[in-house]
C-alpha atoms as a PDB file:
ATOM      1  CA  MET A   1     154.311 151.217  55.421  1.00  0.00           C
ATOM      2  CA  ASN A   2     157.900 151.876  55.856  1.00  0.00           C
ATOM      3  CA  PHE A   3     160.291 149.331  58.304  1.00  0.00           C
ATOM      4  CA  PRO A   4     163.551 150.111  57.775  1.00  0.00           C
ATOM      5  CA  GLU A   5     166.358 147.582  57.864  1.00  0.00           C
ATOM      6  CA  ASN A   6     168.719 148.751  59.838  1.00  0.00           C
ATOM      7  CA  LEU A   7     166.128 148.765  63.143  1.00  0.00           C
ATOM      8  CA  ARG A   8     165.064 145.857  65.273  1.00  0.00           C
ATOM      9  CA  TYR A   9     161.357 145.689  66.284  1.00  0.00           C
ATOM     10  CA  THR A  10     159.132 144.749  69.239  1.00  0.00           C
ATOM     11  CA  LYS A  11     155.606 143.214  69.325  1.00  0.00           C
ATOM     12  CA  ASP A  12     154.645 146.350  70.915  1.00  0.00           C
ATOM     13  CA  HIS A  13     156.008 148.488  67.842  1.00  0.00           C
ATOM     14  CA  GLU A  14     158.447 150.143  69.233  1.00  0.00           C
ATOM     15  CA  TRP A  15     161.722 150.219  66.811  1.00  0.00           C
ATOM     16  CA  ILE A  16     165.393 150.472  68.059  1.00  0.00           C
ATOM     17  CA  SER A  17     168.728 151.826  66.677  1.00  0.00           C
ATOM     18  CA  LEU A  18     171.771 150.669  68.369  1.00  0.00           C
ATOM     19  CA  GLU A  19     175.338 152.633  68.356  1.00  0.00           C
ATOM     20  CA  GLY A  20     177.639 151.321  70.553  1.00  0.00           C
ATOM     21  CA  ASN A  21     175.080 150.528  73.772  1.00  0.00           C
ATOM     22  CA  VAL A  22     173.191 153.614  73.208  1.00  0.00           C
ATOM     23  CA  ALA A  23     170.138 153.029  71.732  1.00  0.00           C
ATOM     24  CA  THR A  24     167.386 155.516  70.240  1.00  0.00           C
ATOM     25  CA  ILE A  25     164.032 154.287  70.457  1.00  0.00           C
ATOM     26  CA  GLY A  26     160.341 155.588  68.986  1.00  0.00           C
ATOM     27  CA  ILE A  27     157.378 154.117  67.784  1.00  0.00           C
ATOM     28  CA  THR A  28     156.967 152.383  64.160  1.00  0.00           C
ATOM     29  CA  ASP A  29     155.288 153.610  61.331  1.00  0.00           C
ATOM     30  CA  PHE A  30     152.518 151.099  61.461  1.00  0.00           C
ATOM     31  CA  ALA A  31     151.982 152.057  65.496  1.00  0.00           C
ATOM     32  CA  GLN A  32     151.690 155.959  64.435  1.00  0.00           C
ATOM     33  CA  ARG A  33     149.212 155.079  61.638  1.00  0.00           C
ATOM     34  CA  GLU A  34     147.131 153.052  64.238  1.00  0.00           C
ATOM     35  CA  LEU A  35     146.915 155.863  67.009  1.00  0.00           C
ATOM     36  CA  GLY A  36     146.150 158.467  64.750  1.00  0.00           C
ATOM     37  CA  ASP A  37     146.722 162.710  65.328  1.00  0.00           C
ATOM     38  CA  ILE A  38     149.547 162.410  68.577  1.00  0.00           C
ATOM     39  CA  VAL A  39     148.751 165.133  70.708  1.00  0.00           C
ATOM     40  CA  TYR A  40     150.976 164.853  73.580  1.00  0.00           C
ATOM     41  CA  VAL A  41     153.668 162.618  74.410  1.00  0.00           C
ATOM     42  CA  ASP A  42     154.881 161.966  78.250  1.00  0.00           C
ATOM     43  CA  ILE A  43     157.990 160.461  78.963  1.00  0.00           C
ATOM     44  CA  ASN A  44     159.547 161.490  82.809  1.00  0.00           C
ATOM     45  CA  THR A  45     161.681 158.373  83.049  1.00  0.00           C
ATOM     46  CA  VAL A  46     165.266 160.165  82.595  1.00  0.00           C
ATOM     47  CA  GLY A  47     168.034 158.889  84.661  1.00  0.00           C
ATOM     48  CA  LYS A  48     165.854 155.874  85.433  1.00  0.00           C
ATOM     49  CA  ALA A  49     166.546 152.129  84.885  1.00  0.00           C
ATOM     50  CA  VAL A  50     163.985 150.442  83.165  1.00  0.00           C
ATOM     51  CA  ASN A  51     163.728 146.837  82.489  1.00  0.00           C
ATOM     52  CA  ALA A  52     162.364 145.480  79.195  1.00  0.00           C
ATOM     53  CA  GLU A  53     159.133 145.231  78.280  1.00  0.00           C
ATOM     54  CA  GLU A  54     158.836 147.913  81.277  1.00  0.00           C
ATOM     55  CA  VAL A  55     156.599 151.297  80.665  1.00  0.00           C
ATOM     56  CA  PHE A  56     158.795 154.416  80.121  1.00  0.00           C
ATOM     57  CA  GLY A  57     156.006 156.686  79.099  1.00  0.00           C
ATOM     58  CA  THR A  58     152.906 157.072  77.163  1.00  0.00           C
ATOM     59  CA  VAL A  59     152.005 158.375  73.851  1.00  0.00           C
ATOM     60  CA  GLU A  60     148.314 160.350  74.007  1.00  0.00           C
ATOM     61  CA  ALA A  61     146.554 160.739  70.500  1.00  0.00           C
ATOM     62  CA  VAL A  62     143.315 162.418  69.717  1.00  0.00           C
ATOM     63  CA  LYS A  63     141.428 158.849  70.221  1.00  0.00           C
ATOM     64  CA  THR A  64     143.590 157.409  72.746  1.00  0.00           C
ATOM     65  CA  VAL A  65     146.035 157.129  74.753  1.00  0.00           C
ATOM     66  CA  SER A  66     149.191 154.022  74.611  1.00  0.00           C
ATOM     67  CA  ASP A  67     151.685 152.695  76.728  1.00  0.00           C
ATOM     68  CA  LEU A  68     155.685 153.023  75.598  1.00  0.00           C
ATOM     69  CA  PHE A  69     157.646 149.937  76.391  1.00  0.00           C
ATOM     70  CA  LEU A  70     161.459 149.612  76.526  1.00  0.00           C
ATOM     71  CA  PRO A  71     162.673 146.832  74.341  1.00  0.00           C
ATOM     72  CA  VAL A  72     165.735 146.237  76.297  1.00  0.00           C
ATOM     73  CA  ALA A  73     166.978 146.914  79.755  1.00  0.00           C
ATOM     74  CA  GLY A  74     168.725 150.087  80.386  1.00  0.00           C
ATOM     75  CA  THR A  75     168.753 153.338  81.704  1.00  0.00           C
ATOM     76  CA  ILE A  76     167.096 156.344  79.765  1.00  0.00           C
ATOM     77  CA  THR A  77     169.656 158.954  79.376  1.00  0.00           C
ATOM     78  CA  GLU A  78     167.829 161.539  77.273  1.00  0.00           C
ATOM     79  CA  VAL A  79     164.021 162.332  76.049  1.00  0.00           C
ATOM     80  CA  ASN A  80     163.422 164.423  72.385  1.00  0.00           C
ATOM     81  CA  SER A  81     162.496 167.156  73.920  1.00  0.00           C
ATOM     82  CA  ALA A  82     161.118 168.763  70.569  1.00  0.00           C
ATOM     83  CA  LEU A  83     158.225 166.510  70.847  1.00  0.00           C
ATOM     84  CA  ASN A  84     156.763 168.901  73.688  1.00  0.00           C
ATOM     85  CA  ASP A  85     156.048 171.479  70.899  1.00  0.00           C
ATOM     86  CA  SER A  86     155.872 169.358  67.877  1.00  0.00           C
ATOM     87  CA  PRO A  87     154.126 165.612  69.019  1.00  0.00           C
ATOM     88  CA  GLU A  88     153.091 165.546  65.422  1.00  0.00           C
ATOM     89  CA  SER A  89     156.939 164.532  64.471  1.00  0.00           C
ATOM     90  CA  VAL A  90     155.917 161.235  65.591  1.00  0.00           C
ATOM     91  CA  ASN A  91     153.251 160.911  62.843  1.00  0.00           C
ATOM     92  CA  ASN A  92     155.413 163.028  60.573  1.00  0.00           C
ATOM     93  CA  ASP A  93     159.064 161.324  60.993  1.00  0.00           C
ATOM     94  CA  PRO A  94     158.567 157.856  63.353  1.00  0.00           C
ATOM     95  CA  TYR A  95     162.122 156.720  62.501  1.00  0.00           C
ATOM     96  CA  GLY A  96     163.642 160.411  62.154  1.00  0.00           C
ATOM     97  CA  ALA A  97     162.683 163.678  64.044  1.00  0.00           C
ATOM     98  CA  GLY A  98     160.125 161.469  65.853  1.00  0.00           C
ATOM     99  CA  TRP A  99     162.588 159.311  67.810  1.00  0.00           C
ATOM    100  CA  MET A 100     161.234 159.468  71.625  1.00  0.00           C
ATOM    101  CA  VAL A 101     164.131 158.333  74.074  1.00  0.00           C
ATOM    102  CA  LYS A 102     167.923 157.598  74.138  1.00  0.00           C
ATOM    103  CA  VAL A 103     169.176 154.235  76.390  1.00  0.00           C
ATOM    104  CA  THR A 104     172.213 153.145  77.550  1.00  0.00           C
ATOM    105  CA  VAL A 105     171.292 149.261  77.278  1.00  0.00           C
ATOM    106  CA  ASN A 106     172.746 147.347  79.681  1.00  0.00           C
ATOM    107  CA  ASN A 107     173.168 144.366  77.609  1.00  0.00           C
ATOM    108  CA  PRO A 108     173.491 145.547  73.388  1.00  0.00           C
ATOM    109  CA  ALA A 109     173.294 141.840  72.438  1.00  0.00           C
ATOM    110  CA  ASP A 110     169.781 141.899  73.588  1.00  0.00           C
ATOM    111  CA  VAL A 111     168.836 144.023  70.911  1.00  0.00           C
ATOM    112  CA  ASP A 112     169.837 140.802  68.265  1.00  0.00           C
ATOM    113  CA  ALA A 113     166.740 139.141  69.844  1.00  0.00           C
ATOM    114  CA  LEU A 114     164.484 141.556  68.794  1.00  0.00           C
ATOM    115  CA  MET A 115     162.406 141.346  65.240  1.00  0.00           C
ATOM    116  CA  ASP A 116     164.204 142.216  62.142  1.00  0.00           C
ATOM    117  CA  ALA A 117     162.360 144.325  59.530  1.00  0.00           C
ATOM    118  CA  ALA A 118     160.709 141.275  57.801  1.00  0.00           C
ATOM    119  CA  ALA A 119     159.739 139.732  60.969  1.00  0.00           C
ATOM    120  CA  TYR A 120     157.907 143.003  62.019  1.00  0.00           C
ATOM    121  CA  ALA A 121     156.393 143.206  58.591  1.00  0.00           C
ATOM    122  CA  ALA A 122     154.830 139.915  58.990  1.00  0.00           C
ATOM    123  CA  LEU A 123     153.664 140.575  62.596  1.00  0.00           C
ATOM    124  CA  VAL A 124     151.384 143.606  61.202  1.00  0.00           C
ATOM    125  CA  ALA A 125     150.167 142.391  57.999  1.00  0.00           C
END
């Protein structure tokens, strides 16, 4: 499985990439494999302030629906609208075209407290 070194990870299988105070967030390669074929992504929290570990949306696969948890507190500024027509992008490219939201992070230092790639790989091993 693929866990890019430049990202941080959560116990709930989200990844986060930070540039300045703007984070891009999605689910990990491990998560998409566990879910199976993703058929729908439901995120209706744009413009809302969400606390760390709160649900910001759901992802629906053929066999289950799973909550999406925000890794750090912030305001959701953008949703990947391409997922409306191509939710399978989450399966095909979870760290690229399958990203889910962009967030203005309240405290960028909070990202440093999340797992690095090695710690996440050990969690899911």
